[in-house]
PDB file of N, CA and C in Angstrom:
ATOM      1  N   UNK A   1       0.836  -1.181   0.000  1.00  0.00           N
ATOM      2  CA  UNK A   1       0.000   0.000   0.000  1.00  0.00           C
ATOM      3  C   UNK A   1       0.884   1.249   0.000  1.00  0.00           C
ATOM      4  N   UNK A   2       0.382   2.249  -0.649  1.00  0.00           N
ATOM      5  CA  UNK A   2       1.095   3.529  -0.663  1.00  0.00           C
ATOM      6  C   UNK A   2       0.971   4.207   0.704  1.00  0.00           C
ATOM      7  N   UNK A   3       1.776   5.223   0.910  1.00  0.00           N
ATOM      8  CA  UNK A   3       1.730   5.990   2.156  1.00  0.00           C
ATOM      9  C   UNK A   3       0.337   6.601   2.360  1.00  0.00           C
ATOM     10  N   UNK A   4      -0.235   7.114   1.261  1.00  0.00           N
ATOM     11  CA  UNK A   4      -1.566   7.738   1.335  1.00  0.00           C
ATOM     12  C   UNK A   4      -2.645   6.701   1.671  1.00  0.00           C
ATOM     13  N   UNK A   5      -2.549   5.530   1.077  1.00  0.00           N
ATOM     14  CA  UNK A   5      -3.531   4.470   1.343  1.00  0.00           C
ATOM     15  C   UNK A   5      -3.418   3.989   2.790  1.00  0.00           C
ATOM     16  N   UNK A   6      -2.197   3.863   3.295  1.00  0.00           N
ATOM     17  CA  UNK A   6      -2.012   3.474   4.700  1.00  0.00           C
ATOM     18  C   UNK A   6      -2.591   4.520   5.640  1.00  0.00           C
ATOM     19  N   UNK A   7      -2.469   5.793   5.270  1.00  0.00           N
ATOM     20  CA  UNK A   7      -3.025   6.870   6.103  1.00  0.00           C
ATOM     21  C   UNK A   7      -4.546   6.769   6.166  1.00  0.00           C
ATOM     22  N   UNK A   8      -5.186   6.456   5.030  1.00  0.00           N
ATOM     23  CA  UNK A   8      -6.647   6.276   5.006  1.00  0.00           C
ATOM     24  C   UNK A   8      -7.020   5.075   5.873  1.00  0.00           C
ATOM     25  N   UNK A   9      -6.300   3.983   5.709  1.00  0.00           N
ATOM     26  CA  UNK A   9      -6.578   2.775   6.488  1.00  0.00           C
ATOM     27  C   UNK A   9      -6.451   3.058   7.982  1.00  0.00           C
ATOM     28  N   UNK A  10      -5.366   3.696   8.384  1.00  0.00           N
ATOM     29  CA  UNK A  10      -5.149   3.977   9.805  1.00  0.00           C
ATOM     30  C   UNK A  10      -6.183   4.945  10.379  1.00  0.00           C
ATOM     31  N   UNK A  11      -6.553   5.958   9.611  1.00  0.00           N
ATOM     32  CA  UNK A  11      -7.568   6.915  10.071  1.00  0.00           C
ATOM     33  C   UNK A  11      -8.931   6.223  10.196  1.00  0.00           C
ATOM     34  N   UNK A  12      -9.262   5.384   9.230  1.00  0.00           N
ATOM     35  CA  UNK A  12     -10.523   4.643   9.290  1.00  0.00           C
ATOM     36  C   UNK A  12     -10.549   3.677  10.456  1.00  0.00           C
ATOM     37  N   UNK A  13      -9.431   3.016  10.697  1.00  0.00           N
ATOM     38  CA  UNK A  13      -9.345   2.070  11.812  1.00  0.00           C
ATOM     39  C   UNK A  13      -9.487   2.790  13.147  1.00  0.00           C
ATOM     40  N   UNK A  14      -8.876   3.958  13.273  1.00  0.00           N
ATOM     41  CA  UNK A  14      -8.985   4.737  14.511  1.00  0.00           C
ATOM     42  C   UNK A  14     -10.431   5.156  14.758  1.00  0.00           C
ATOM     43  N   UNK A  15     -11.134   5.568  13.719  1.00  0.00           N
ATOM     44  CA  UNK A  15     -12.537   5.953  13.842  1.00  0.00           C
ATOM     45  C   UNK A  15     -13.389   4.750  14.213  1.00  0.00           C
ATOM     46  N   UNK A  16     -13.163   3.628  13.558  1.00  0.00           N
ATOM     47  CA  UNK A  16     -13.912   2.398  13.827  1.00  0.00           C
ATOM     48  C   UNK A  16     -13.680   1.939  15.270  1.00  0.00           C
ATOM     49  N   UNK A  17     -12.423   1.988  15.721  1.00  0.00           N
ATOM     50  CA  UNK A  17     -12.086   1.588  17.087  1.00  0.00           C
ATOM     51  C   UNK A  17     -12.780   2.491  18.102  1.00  0.00           C
ATOM     52  N   UNK A  18     -12.764   3.797  17.848  1.00  0.00           N
ATOM     53  CA  UNK A  18     -13.423   4.744  18.756  1.00  0.00           C
ATOM     54  C   UNK A  18     -14.922   4.477  18.817  1.00  0.00           C
ATOM     55  N   UNK A  19     -15.522   4.201  17.683  1.00  0.00           N
ATOM     56  CA  UNK A  19     -16.954   3.884  17.636  1.00  0.00           C
ATOM     57  C   UNK A  19     -17.244   2.672  18.518  1.00  0.00           C
ATOM     58  N   UNK A  20     -16.456   1.626  18.387  1.00  0.00           N
ATOM     59  CA  UNK A  20     -16.702   0.414  19.171  1.00  0.00           C
ATOM     60  C   UNK A  20     -16.431   0.615  20.661  1.00  0.00           C
ATOM     61  N   UNK A  21     -15.495   1.465  21.011  1.00  0.00           N
ATOM     62  CA  UNK A  21     -15.279   1.798  22.420  1.00  0.00           C
ATOM     63  C   UNK A  21     -16.484   2.554  22.973  1.00  0.00           C
ATOM     64  N   UNK A  22     -17.098   3.367  22.140  1.00  0.00           N
ATOM     65  CA  UNK A  22     -18.216   4.207  22.556  1.00  0.00           C
ATOM     66  C   UNK A  22     -19.511   3.421  22.719  1.00  0.00           C
ATOM     67  N   UNK A  23     -19.726   2.400  21.898  1.00  0.00           N
ATOM     68  CA  UNK A  23     -21.023   1.699  21.901  1.00  0.00           C
ATOM     69  C   UNK A  23     -21.082   0.510  22.847  1.00  0.00           C
ATOM     70  N   UNK A  24     -20.066   0.276  23.623  1.00  0.00           N
ATOM     71  CA  UNK A  24     -20.030  -0.905  24.499  1.00  0.00           C
ATOM     72  C   UNK A  24     -21.292  -1.067  25.348  1.00  0.00           C
ATOM     73  N   UNK A  25     -21.854   0.012  25.821  1.00  0.00           N
ATOM     74  CA  UNK A  25     -23.023  -0.061  26.695  1.00  0.00           C
ATOM     75  C   UNK A  25     -24.343   0.200  25.968  1.00  0.00           C
ATOM     76  N   UNK A  26     -24.286   0.368  24.646  1.00  0.00           N
ATOM     77  CA  UNK A  26     -25.483   0.663  23.862  1.00  0.00           C
ATOM     78  C   UNK A  26     -25.930  -0.600  23.126  1.00  0.00           C
ATOM     79  N   UNK A  27     -27.011  -1.209  23.592  1.00  0.00           N
ATOM     80  CA  UNK A  27     -27.511  -2.451  22.987  1.00  0.00           C
ATOM     81  C   UNK A  27     -28.082  -2.249  21.592  1.00  0.00           C
ATOM     82  N   UNK A  28     -28.488  -1.032  21.257  1.00  0.00           N
ATOM     83  CA  UNK A  28     -29.133  -0.765  19.968  1.00  0.00           C
ATOM     84  C   UNK A  28     -28.141  -0.380  18.869  1.00  0.00           C
ATOM     85  N   UNK A  29     -26.897  -0.142  19.217  1.00  0.00           N
ATOM     86  CA  UNK A  29     -25.887   0.264  18.237  1.00  0.00           C
ATOM     87  C   UNK A  29     -25.501  -0.922  17.360  1.00  0.00           C
ATOM     88  N   UNK A  30     -25.149  -0.622  16.118  1.00  0.00           N
ATOM     89  CA  UNK A  30     -24.766  -1.655  15.158  1.00  0.00           C
ATOM     90  C   UNK A  30     -23.283  -1.978  15.299  1.00  0.00           C
ATOM     91  N   UNK A  31     -22.955  -3.250  15.510  1.00  0.00           N
ATOM     92  CA  UNK A  31     -21.547  -3.630  15.625  1.00  0.00           C
ATOM     93  C   UNK A  31     -20.889  -3.726  14.250  1.00  0.00           C
ATOM     94  N   UNK A  32     -21.688  -3.913  13.198  1.00  0.00           N
ATOM     95  CA  UNK A  32     -21.149  -4.002  11.835  1.00  0.00           C
ATOM     96  C   UNK A  32     -21.506  -2.761  11.014  1.00  0.00           C
ATOM     97  N   UNK A  33     -21.456  -1.607  11.670  1.00  0.00           N
ATOM     98  CA  UNK A  33     -21.874  -0.347  11.051  1.00  0.00           C
ATOM     99  C   UNK A  33     -20.924   0.085   9.945  1.00  0.00           C
ATOM    100  N   UNK A  34     -21.508   0.671   8.911  1.00  0.00           N
ATOM    101  CA  UNK A  34     -20.720   1.273   7.829  1.00  0.00           C
ATOM    102  C   UNK A  34     -20.258   2.665   8.273  1.00  0.00           C
ATOM    103  N   UNK A  35     -19.409   3.280   7.478  1.00  0.00           N
ATOM    104  CA  UNK A  35     -18.943   4.628   7.800  1.00  0.00           C
ATOM    105  C   UNK A  35     -20.122   5.590   7.889  1.00  0.00           C
ATOM    106  N   UNK A  36     -21.076   5.473   6.979  1.00  0.00           N
ATOM    107  CA  UNK A  36     -22.254   6.336   7.007  1.00  0.00           C
ATOM    108  C   UNK A  36     -23.021   6.148   8.313  1.00  0.00           C
ATOM    109  N   UNK A  37     -23.198   4.908   8.735  1.00  0.00           N
ATOM    110  CA  UNK A  37     -23.936   4.634   9.971  1.00  0.00           C
ATOM    111  C   UNK A  37     -23.172   5.116  11.204  1.00  0.00           C
ATOM    112  N   UNK A  38     -21.852   5.025  11.160  1.00  0.00           N
ATOM    113  CA  UNK A  38     -21.045   5.541  12.273  1.00  0.00           C
ATOM    114  C   UNK A  38     -21.189   7.056  12.348  1.00  0.00           C
ATOM    115  N   UNK A  39     -21.138   7.724  11.207  1.00  0.00           N
ATOM    116  CA  UNK A  39     -21.325   9.181  11.196  1.00  0.00           C
ATOM    117  C   UNK A  39     -22.720   9.544  11.691  1.00  0.00           C
ATOM    118  N   UNK A  40     -23.714   8.790  11.295  1.00  0.00           N
ATOM    119  CA  UNK A  40     -25.085   9.047  11.737  1.00  0.00           C
ATOM    120  C   UNK A  40     -25.212   8.839  13.249  1.00  0.00           C
ATOM    121  N   UNK A  41     -24.543   7.839  13.787  1.00  0.00           N
ATOM    122  CA  UNK A  41     -24.582   7.564  15.222  1.00  0.00           C
ATOM    123  C   UNK A  41     -24.076   8.770  16.016  1.00  0.00           C
ATOM    124  N   UNK A  42     -22.972   9.353  15.588  1.00  0.00           N
ATOM    125  CA  UNK A  42     -22.384  10.465  16.326  1.00  0.00           C
ATOM    126  C   UNK A  42     -23.045  11.802  16.016  1.00  0.00           C
ATOM    127  N   UNK A  43     -23.399  12.058  14.779  1.00  0.00           N
ATOM    128  CA  UNK A  43     -23.924  13.368  14.382  1.00  0.00           C
ATOM    129  C   UNK A  43     -25.415  13.515  14.663  1.00  0.00           C
ATOM    130  N   UNK A  44     -26.132  12.413  14.637  1.00  0.00           N
ATOM    131  CA  UNK A  44     -27.594  12.414  14.816  1.00  0.00           C
ATOM    132  C   UNK A  44     -28.271  13.138  13.649  1.00  0.00           C
ATOM    133  N   UNK A  45     -29.573  13.267  13.757  1.00  0.00           N
ATOM    134  CA  UNK A  45     -30.359  13.923  12.714  1.00  0.00           C
ATOM    135  C   UNK A  45     -31.151  15.076  13.317  1.00  0.00           C
ATOM    136  N   UNK A  46     -31.429  16.081  12.483  1.00  0.00           N
ATOM    137  CA  UNK A  46     -32.219  17.219  12.956  1.00  0.00           C
ATOM    138  C   UNK A  46     -33.700  16.882  12.858  1.00  0.00           C
ATOM    139  N   UNK A  47     -34.537  17.846  13.176  1.00  0.00           N
ATOM    140  CA  UNK A  47     -35.985  17.613  13.187  1.00  0.00           C
ATOM    141  C   UNK A  47     -36.552  17.321  11.795  1.00  0.00           C
ATOM    142  N   UNK A  48     -35.845  17.686  10.737  1.00  0.00           N
ATOM    143  CA  UNK A  48     -36.292  17.403   9.372  1.00  0.00           C
ATOM    144  C   UNK A  48     -35.738  16.081   8.850  1.00  0.00           C
ATOM    145  N   UNK A  49     -34.949  15.385   9.674  1.00  0.00           N
ATOM    146  CA  UNK A  49     -34.409  14.097   9.272  1.00  0.00           C
ATOM    147  C   UNK A  49     -33.070  14.157   8.565  1.00  0.00           C
ATOM    148  N   UNK A  50     -32.488  15.336   8.460  1.00  0.00           N
ATOM    149  CA  UNK A  50     -31.176  15.479   7.818  1.00  0.00           C
ATOM    150  C   UNK A  50     -30.072  15.291   8.857  1.00  0.00           C
ATOM    151  N   UNK A  51     -28.975  14.660   8.415  1.00  0.00           N
ATOM    152  CA  UNK A  51     -27.858  14.460   9.322  1.00  0.00           C
ATOM    153  C   UNK A  51     -27.205  15.806   9.625  1.00  0.00           C
ATOM    154  N   UNK A  52     -26.898  16.013  10.884  1.00  0.00           N
ATOM    155  CA  UNK A  52     -26.250  17.259  11.294  1.00  0.00           C
ATOM    156  C   UNK A  52     -24.815  17.288  10.765  1.00  0.00           C
ATOM    157  N   UNK A  53     -24.254  18.482  10.651  1.00  0.00           N
ATOM    158  CA  UNK A  53     -22.917  18.622  10.079  1.00  0.00           C
ATOM    159  C   UNK A  53     -21.811  18.301  11.079  1.00  0.00           C
ATOM    160  N   UNK A  54     -22.036  18.523  12.341  1.00  0.00           N
ATOM    161  CA  UNK A  54     -21.033  18.257  13.380  1.00  0.00           C
ATOM    162  C   UNK A  54     -21.662  17.458  14.510  1.00  0.00           C
ATOM    163  N   UNK A  55     -20.825  16.693  15.183  1.00  0.00           N
ATOM    164  CA  UNK A  55     -21.260  15.939  16.352  1.00  0.00           C
ATOM    165  C   UNK A  55     -20.925  16.712  17.619  1.00  0.00           C
ATOM    166  N   UNK A  56     -21.565  16.374  18.691  1.00  0.00           N
ATOM    167  CA  UNK A  56     -21.241  16.964  19.988  1.00  0.00           C
ATOM    168  C   UNK A  56     -19.906  16.409  20.474  1.00  0.00           C
ATOM    169  N   UNK A  57     -19.631  15.172  20.125  1.00  0.00           N
ATOM    170  CA  UNK A  57     -18.411  14.470  20.524  1.00  0.00           C
ATOM    171  C   UNK A  57     -17.214  15.011  19.731  1.00  0.00           C
ATOM    172  N   UNK A  58     -16.352  15.780  20.395  1.00  0.00           N
ATOM    173  CA  UNK A  58     -15.213  16.409  19.718  1.00  0.00           C
ATOM    174  C   UNK A  58     -14.188  15.390  19.231  1.00  0.00           C
ATOM    175  N   UNK A  59     -14.009  14.300  19.954  1.00  0.00           N
ATOM    176  CA  UNK A  59     -13.049  13.272  19.524  1.00  0.00           C
ATOM    177  C   UNK A  59     -13.494  12.669  18.197  1.00  0.00           C
ATOM    178  N   UNK A  60     -14.797  12.413  18.046  1.00  0.00           N
ATOM    179  CA  UNK A  60     -15.301  11.912  16.768  1.00  0.00           C
ATOM    180  C   UNK A  60     -15.032  12.930  15.666  1.00  0.00           C
ATOM    181  N   UNK A  61     -15.297  14.203  15.923  1.00  0.00           N
ATOM    182  CA  UNK A  61     -15.072  15.246  14.915  1.00  0.00           C
ATOM    183  C   UNK A  61     -13.613  15.267  14.462  1.00  0.00           C
ATOM    184  N   UNK A  62     -12.681  15.104  15.397  1.00  0.00           N
ATOM    185  CA  UNK A  62     -11.261  15.073  15.054  1.00  0.00           C
ATOM    186  C   UNK A  62     -10.934  13.866  14.171  1.00  0.00           C
ATOM    187  N   UNK A  63     -11.401  12.694  14.583  1.00  0.00           N
ATOM    188  CA  UNK A  63     -11.129  11.472  13.824  1.00  0.00           C
ATOM    189  C   UNK A  63     -11.757  11.522  12.435  1.00  0.00           C
ATOM    190  N   UNK A  64     -12.970  12.055  12.345  1.00  0.00           N
ATOM    191  CA  UNK A  64     -13.654  12.168  11.057  1.00  0.00           C
ATOM    192  C   UNK A  64     -12.915  13.148  10.140  1.00  0.00           C
ATOM    193  N   UNK A  65     -12.429  14.243  10.702  1.00  0.00           N
ATOM    194  CA  UNK A  65     -11.665  15.220   9.913  1.00  0.00           C
ATOM    195  C   UNK A  65     -10.365  14.615   9.400  1.00  0.00           C
ATOM    196  N   UNK A  66      -9.689  13.830  10.241  1.00  0.00           N
ATOM    197  CA  UNK A  66      -8.458  13.162   9.827  1.00  0.00           C
ATOM    198  C   UNK A  66      -8.729  12.188   8.681  1.00  0.00           C
ATOM    199  N   UNK A  67      -9.821  11.432   8.775  1.00  0.00           N
ATOM    200  CA  UNK A  67     -10.175  10.495   7.721  1.00  0.00           C
ATOM    201  C   UNK A  67     -10.485  11.227   6.416  1.00  0.00           C
ATOM    202  N   UNK A  68     -11.263  12.286   6.497  1.00  0.00           N
ATOM    203  CA  UNK A  68     -11.591  13.058   5.292  1.00  0.00           C
ATOM    204  C   UNK A  68     -10.340  13.657   4.641  1.00  0.00           C
ATOM    205  N   UNK A  69      -9.420  14.164   5.458  1.00  0.00           N
ATOM    206  CA  UNK A  69      -8.191  14.752   4.931  1.00  0.00           C
ATOM    207  C   UNK A  69      -7.329  13.692   4.252  1.00  0.00           C
ATOM    208  N   UNK A  70      -7.219  12.527   4.856  1.00  0.00           N
ATOM    209  CA  UNK A  70      -6.403  11.471   4.247  1.00  0.00           C
ATOM    210  C   UNK A  70      -7.067  10.935   2.974  1.00  0.00           C
ATOM    211  N   UNK A  71      -8.391  10.903   2.932  1.00  0.00           N
ATOM    212  CA  UNK A  71      -9.098  10.495   1.712  1.00  0.00           C
ATOM    213  C   UNK A  71      -8.846  11.491   0.579  1.00  0.00           C
ATOM    214  N   UNK A  72      -8.805  12.788   0.905  1.00  0.00           N
ATOM    215  CA  UNK A  72      -8.536  13.809  -0.112  1.00  0.00           C
ATOM    216  C   UNK A  72      -7.132  13.657  -0.689  1.00  0.00           C
ATOM    217  N   UNK A  73      -6.156  13.355   0.178  1.00  0.00           N
ATOM    218  CA  UNK A  73      -4.786  13.161  -0.296  1.00  0.00           C
ATOM    219  C   UNK A  73      -4.687  11.940  -1.206  1.00  0.00           C
ATOM    220  N   UNK A  74      -5.371  10.861  -0.837  1.00  0.00           N
ATOM    221  CA  UNK A  74      -5.369   9.658  -1.664  1.00  0.00           C
ATOM    222  C   UNK A  74      -6.059   9.925  -2.998  1.00  0.00           C
ATOM    223  N   UNK A  75      -7.156  10.656  -2.971  1.00  0.00           N
ATOM    224  CA  UNK A  75      -7.867  10.990  -4.209  1.00  0.00           C
ATOM    225  C   UNK A  75      -6.993  11.822  -5.138  1.00  0.00           C
ATOM    226  N   UNK A  76      -6.238  12.757  -4.577  1.00  0.00           N
ATOM    227  CA  UNK A  76      -5.352  13.589  -5.399  1.00  0.00           C
ATOM    228  C   UNK A  76      -4.257  12.749  -6.049  1.00  0.00           C
ATOM    229  N   UNK A  77      -3.807  11.720  -5.346  1.00  0.00           N
ATOM    230  CA  UNK A  77      -2.779  10.852  -5.904  1.00  0.00           C
ATOM    231  C   UNK A  77      -3.358   9.959  -7.011  1.00  0.00           C
ATOM    232  N   UNK A  78      -4.576   9.502  -6.826  1.00  0.00           N
ATOM    233  CA  UNK A  78      -5.209   8.576  -7.773  1.00  0.00           C
ATOM    234  C   UNK A  78      -5.739   9.289  -9.014  1.00  0.00           C
ATOM    235  N   UNK A  79      -6.195  10.510  -8.873  1.00  0.00           N
ATOM    236  CA  UNK A  79      -6.876  11.217  -9.957  1.00  0.00           C
ATOM    237  C   UNK A  79      -6.142  11.214 -11.297  1.00  0.00           C
ATOM    238  N   UNK A  80      -4.862  11.525 -11.361  1.00  0.00           N
ATOM    239  CA  UNK A  80      -4.187  11.513 -12.666  1.00  0.00           C
ATOM    240  C   UNK A  80      -4.178  10.125 -13.327  1.00  0.00           C
ATOM    241  N   UNK A  81      -4.085   9.089 -12.530  1.00  0.00           N
ATOM    242  CA  UNK A  81      -4.049   7.728 -13.057  1.00  0.00           C
ATOM    243  C   UNK A  81      -5.403   7.299 -13.615  1.00  0.00           C
ATOM    244  N   UNK A  82      -6.471   7.860 -13.104  1.00  0.00           N
ATOM    245  CA  UNK A  82      -7.809   7.543 -13.598  1.00  0.00           C
ATOM    246  C   UNK A  82      -7.916   7.922 -15.070  1.00  0.00           C
ATOM    247  N   UNK A  83      -7.367   9.063 -15.427  1.00  0.00           N
ATOM    248  CA  UNK A  83      -7.386   9.503 -16.816  1.00  0.00           C
ATOM    249  C   UNK A  83      -6.305   8.797 -17.635  1.00  0.00           C
ATOM    250  N   UNK A  84      -5.135   8.617 -17.032  1.00  0.00           N
ATOM    251  CA  UNK A  84      -4.023   7.977 -17.727  1.00  0.00           C
ATOM    252  C   UNK A  84      -4.376   6.557 -18.173  1.00  0.00           C
ATOM    253  N   UNK A  85      -5.053   5.811 -17.328  1.00  0.00           N
ATOM    254  CA  UNK A  85      -5.380   4.419 -17.655  1.00  0.00           C
ATOM    255  C   UNK A  85      -6.734   4.274 -18.353  1.00  0.00           C
ATOM    256  N   UNK A  86      -7.403   5.369 -18.614  1.00  0.00           N
ATOM    257  CA  UNK A  86      -8.617   5.345 -19.411  1.00  0.00           C
ATOM    258  C   UNK A  86      -9.904   5.008 -18.692  1.00  0.00           C
ATOM    259  N   UNK A  87      -9.910   5.083 -17.355  1.00  0.00           N
ATOM    260  CA  UNK A  87     -11.156   4.842 -16.640  1.00  0.00           C
ATOM    261  C   UNK A  87     -12.160   5.961 -16.921  1.00  0.00           C
ATOM    262  N   UNK A  88     -11.647   7.179 -17.070  1.00  0.00           N
ATOM    263  CA  UNK A  88     -12.464   8.338 -17.447  1.00  0.00           C
ATOM    264  C   UNK A  88     -11.748   9.099 -18.545  1.00  0.00           C
ATOM    265  N   UNK A  89     -12.523   9.757 -19.376  1.00  0.00           N
ATOM    266  CA  UNK A  89     -11.938  10.630 -20.406  1.00  0.00           C
ATOM    267  C   UNK A  89     -12.002  12.060 -19.936  1.00  0.00           C
ATOM    268  N   UNK A  90     -10.998  12.841 -20.323  1.00  0.00           N
ATOM    269  CA  UNK A  90     -10.980  14.251 -19.911  1.00  0.00           C
ATOM    270  C   UNK A  90     -11.923  15.059 -20.740  1.00  0.00           C
TER     271      UNK A  90
END
């Protein structure tokens, strides 16, 4: 794996680990939650049913920001190859 891919993996693992540490006492939480479901768990939804932009839990916000930043770096590395190998045309 590239350095960027390892950073995404490590950031995702840290978020997943934090989620599982947090839900130990919650019987209704999903143990096999996707990233979307983990974000929904922490951010909750507003009265109109839309997911809120930030969570009350600051540690989650930090971990989520780290994951998003590492995903952006990986995307920037992959983007030129997408066109080079013909997956998309410019």
